[in-house]
Amino acid sequence: MINLIQNSLDALNGRPEPQILLTAFENESHVELIVRDNGTGIPQANLAKIFDPFFTTKPVGQGMGLGLSLCFRMIQGMAGEVSVDTAEGSHTQFTISLARPVAQA
């Protein structure tokens, strides 16, 4: 979550009326955590690469391109999923879906 929020802060730099919305939903089987910003959005050409290690659009020295890759792999390691909804110039939303732990009797 910290990495997603930091990426949102970076995308909001210089934007009028910057907003980050954090939301959580749960049902009997899953928990969803959502990070949405009204930043610059992700260009369509970059969407297929955003979870690749060392992929970054940040200037040299401002990012290594590991944050989203690590998030993606950690969430997968917890049998979860991560998805992105974005539109250039409008918003980016990451949704993390995790199975709720089963109570052991």
C-alpha atoms as a PDB file:
ATOM      1  CA  MET A   1       0.000   0.000   0.000  1.00  0.00           C
ATOM      2  CA  ILE A   2       2.842   2.394   0.804  1.00  0.00           C
ATOM      3  CA  ASN A   3       4.315   1.948  -2.673  1.00  0.00           C
ATOM      4  CA  LEU A   4       0.960   2.517  -4.377  1.00  0.00           C
ATOM      5  CA  ILE A   5       0.367   5.648  -2.326  1.00  0.00           C
ATOM      6  CA  GLN A   6       3.872   6.939  -3.112  1.00  0.00           C
ATOM      7  CA  ASN A   7       3.274   6.368  -6.820  1.00  0.00           C
ATOM      8  CA  SER A   8       0.008   8.303  -6.512  1.00  0.00           C
ATOM      9  CA  LEU A   9       1.825  11.171  -4.817  1.00  0.00           C
ATOM     10  CA  ASP A  10       4.356  11.233  -7.660  1.00  0.00           C
ATOM     11  CA  ALA A  11       1.563  11.270 -10.272  1.00  0.00           C
ATOM     12  CA  LEU A  12      -0.147  14.166  -8.477  1.00  0.00           C
ATOM     13  CA  ASN A  13       2.908  16.409  -8.468  1.00  0.00           C
ATOM     14  CA  GLY A  14       1.829  19.739  -9.963  1.00  0.00           C
ATOM     15  CA  ARG A  15      -1.783  18.664 -10.556  1.00  0.00           C
ATOM     16  CA  PRO A  16      -4.592  21.029  -9.555  1.00  0.00           C
ATOM     17  CA  GLU A  17      -6.751  19.709  -6.701  1.00  0.00           C
ATOM     18  CA  PRO A  18      -4.763  16.481  -6.120  1.00  0.00           C
ATOM     19  CA  GLN A  19      -6.680  13.620  -4.508  1.00  0.00           C
ATOM     20  CA  ILE A  20      -5.898  10.118  -3.327  1.00  0.00           C
ATOM     21  CA  LEU A  21      -8.824   7.943  -2.337  1.00  0.00           C
ATOM     22  CA  LEU A  22      -8.228   4.820  -0.224  1.00  0.00           C
ATOM     23  CA  THR A  23     -11.088   2.366  -0.012  1.00  0.00           C
ATOM     24  CA  ALA A  24     -11.536  -1.087   1.478  1.00  0.00           C
ATOM     25  CA  PHE A  25     -14.358  -3.550   0.868  1.00  0.00           C
ATOM     26  CA  GLU A  26     -14.941  -6.985   2.251  1.00  0.00           C
ATOM     27  CA  ASN A  27     -17.319  -9.840   1.807  1.00  0.00           C
ATOM     28  CA  GLU A  28     -17.318 -13.366   3.176  1.00  0.00           C
ATOM     29  CA  SER A  29     -14.493 -14.545   0.915  1.00  0.00           C
ATOM     30  CA  HIS A  30     -12.398 -11.522  -0.130  1.00  0.00           C
ATOM     31  CA  VAL A  31     -11.013  -8.165   0.907  1.00  0.00           C
ATOM     32  CA  GLU A  32     -10.384  -5.474  -1.690  1.00  0.00           C
ATOM     33  CA  LEU A  33      -8.056  -2.544  -1.108  1.00  0.00           C
ATOM     34  CA  ILE A  34      -8.242   0.308  -3.615  1.00  0.00           C
ATOM     35  CA  VAL A  35      -5.854   3.210  -4.194  1.00  0.00           C
ATOM     36  CA  ARG A  36      -7.198   5.798  -6.671  1.00  0.00           C
ATOM     37  CA  ASP A  37      -5.712   9.135  -7.657  1.00  0.00           C
ATOM     38  CA  ASN A  38      -6.661  11.894 -10.071  1.00  0.00           C
ATOM     39  CA  GLY A  39      -3.127  12.160 -11.406  1.00  0.00           C
ATOM     40  CA  THR A  40      -1.678  11.923 -14.877  1.00  0.00           C
ATOM     41  CA  GLY A  41      -2.778   8.342 -15.590  1.00  0.00           C
ATOM     42  CA  ILE A  42      -0.675   5.638 -17.205  1.00  0.00           C
ATOM     43  CA  PRO A  43      -0.165   5.765 -20.973  1.00  0.00           C
ATOM     44  CA  GLN A  44      -1.712   2.772 -22.746  1.00  0.00           C
ATOM     45  CA  ALA A  45       1.685   1.889 -24.242  1.00  0.00           C
ATOM     46  CA  ASN A  46       3.109   1.381 -20.720  1.00  0.00           C
ATOM     47  CA  LEU A  47       0.323  -0.742 -19.225  1.00  0.00           C
ATOM     48  CA  ALA A  48       1.779  -4.083 -20.333  1.00  0.00           C
ATOM     49  CA  LYS A  49       5.111  -3.241 -18.644  1.00  0.00           C
ATOM     50  CA  ILE A  50       4.168  -1.609 -15.338  1.00  0.00           C
ATOM     51  CA  PHE A  51       4.684  -4.776 -13.288  1.00  0.00           C
ATOM     52  CA  ASP A  52       7.997  -5.652 -14.967  1.00  0.00           C
ATOM     53  CA  PRO A  53      11.100  -5.341 -12.766  1.00  0.00           C
ATOM     54  CA  PHE A  54      13.133  -2.191 -13.475  1.00  0.00           C
ATOM     55  CA  PHE A  55      10.475  -0.584 -15.677  1.00  0.00           C
ATOM     56  CA  THR A  56      10.091   3.075 -14.759  1.00  0.00           C
ATOM     57  CA  THR A  57       9.136   6.329 -16.391  1.00  0.00           C
ATOM     58  CA  LYS A  58      10.716   8.365 -13.605  1.00  0.00           C
ATOM     59  CA  PRO A  59      13.928  10.302 -14.190  1.00  0.00           C
ATOM     60  CA  VAL A  60      17.244   8.637 -13.308  1.00  0.00           C
ATOM     61  CA  GLY A  61      17.779   8.691  -9.557  1.00  0.00           C
ATOM     62  CA  GLN A  62      14.077   9.043  -8.712  1.00  0.00           C
ATOM     63  CA  GLY A  63      12.960   5.452  -9.015  1.00  0.00           C
ATOM     64  CA  MET A  64      14.371   2.018  -9.708  1.00  0.00           C
ATOM     65  CA  GLY A  65      11.253   0.476 -11.218  1.00  0.00           C
ATOM     66  CA  LEU A  66      10.889  -2.169  -8.532  1.00  0.00           C
ATOM     67  CA  GLY A  67       7.903  -0.952  -6.514  1.00  0.00           C
ATOM     68  CA  LEU A  68       5.024  -2.223  -8.643  1.00  0.00           C
ATOM     69  CA  SER A  69       6.914  -5.394  -9.515  1.00  0.00           C
ATOM     70  CA  LEU A  70       7.434  -6.199  -5.829  1.00  0.00           C
ATOM     71  CA  CYS A  71       3.814  -5.350  -4.999  1.00  0.00           C
ATOM     72  CA  PHE A  72       2.586  -7.619  -7.784  1.00  0.00           C
ATOM     73  CA  ARG A  73       4.750 -10.541  -6.679  1.00  0.00           C
ATOM     74  CA  MET A  74       3.897 -10.163  -2.985  1.00  0.00           C
ATOM     75  CA  ILE A  75       0.185 -10.070  -3.738  1.00  0.00           C
ATOM     76  CA  GLN A  76       0.519 -13.137  -5.971  1.00  0.00           C
ATOM     77  CA  GLY A  77       2.415 -14.850  -3.139  1.00  0.00           C
ATOM     78  CA  MET A  78      -0.653 -14.314  -0.955  1.00  0.00           C
ATOM     79  CA  ALA A  79      -2.864 -15.862  -3.666  1.00  0.00           C
ATOM     80  CA  GLY A  80      -4.225 -12.409  -4.431  1.00  0.00           C
ATOM     81  CA  GLU A  81      -4.720 -10.341  -7.528  1.00  0.00           C
ATOM     82  CA  VAL A  82      -3.928  -6.778  -8.493  1.00  0.00           C
ATOM     83  CA  SER A  83      -5.599  -4.874 -11.302  1.00  0.00           C
ATOM     84  CA  VAL A  84      -5.291  -1.379 -12.704  1.00  0.00           C
ATOM     85  CA  ASP A  85      -7.819   0.995 -14.226  1.00  0.00           C
ATOM     86  CA  THR A  86      -6.379   4.163 -15.728  1.00  0.00           C
ATOM     87  CA  ALA A  87      -7.030   6.922 -18.230  1.00  0.00           C
ATOM     88  CA  GLU A  88      -4.353   9.366 -19.329  1.00  0.00           C
ATOM     89  CA  GLY A  89      -4.892  12.796 -17.836  1.00  0.00           C
ATOM     90  CA  SER A  90      -7.678  11.542 -15.582  1.00  0.00           C
ATOM     91  CA  HIS A  91      -6.917   8.870 -12.992  1.00  0.00           C
ATOM     92  CA  THR A  92      -5.237   5.646 -11.972  1.00  0.00           C
ATOM     93  CA  GLN A  93      -6.800   3.052  -9.706  1.00  0.00           C
ATOM     94  CA  PHE A  94      -5.086  -0.050  -8.348  1.00  0.00           C
ATOM     95  CA  THR A  95      -7.298  -2.725  -6.803  1.00  0.00           C
ATOM     96  CA  ILE A  96      -5.797  -5.443  -4.619  1.00  0.00           C
ATOM     97  CA  SER A  97      -7.999  -8.463  -3.986  1.00  0.00           C
ATOM     98  CA  LEU A  98      -7.044 -10.920  -1.253  1.00  0.00           C
ATOM     99  CA  ALA A  99      -8.816 -13.995   0.021  1.00  0.00           C
ATOM    100  CA  ARG A 100      -9.923 -13.642   3.622  1.00  0.00           C
ATOM    101  CA  PRO A 101      -8.159 -15.998   5.995  1.00  0.00           C
ATOM    102  CA  VAL A 102     -10.200 -19.005   6.989  1.00  0.00           C
ATOM    103  CA  ALA A 103     -10.708 -19.266  10.739  1.00  0.00           C
ATOM    104  CA  GLN A 104      -9.248 -22.460  12.129  1.00  0.00           C
ATOM    105  CA  ALA A 105     -11.312 -24.307  14.678  1.00  0.00           C
END
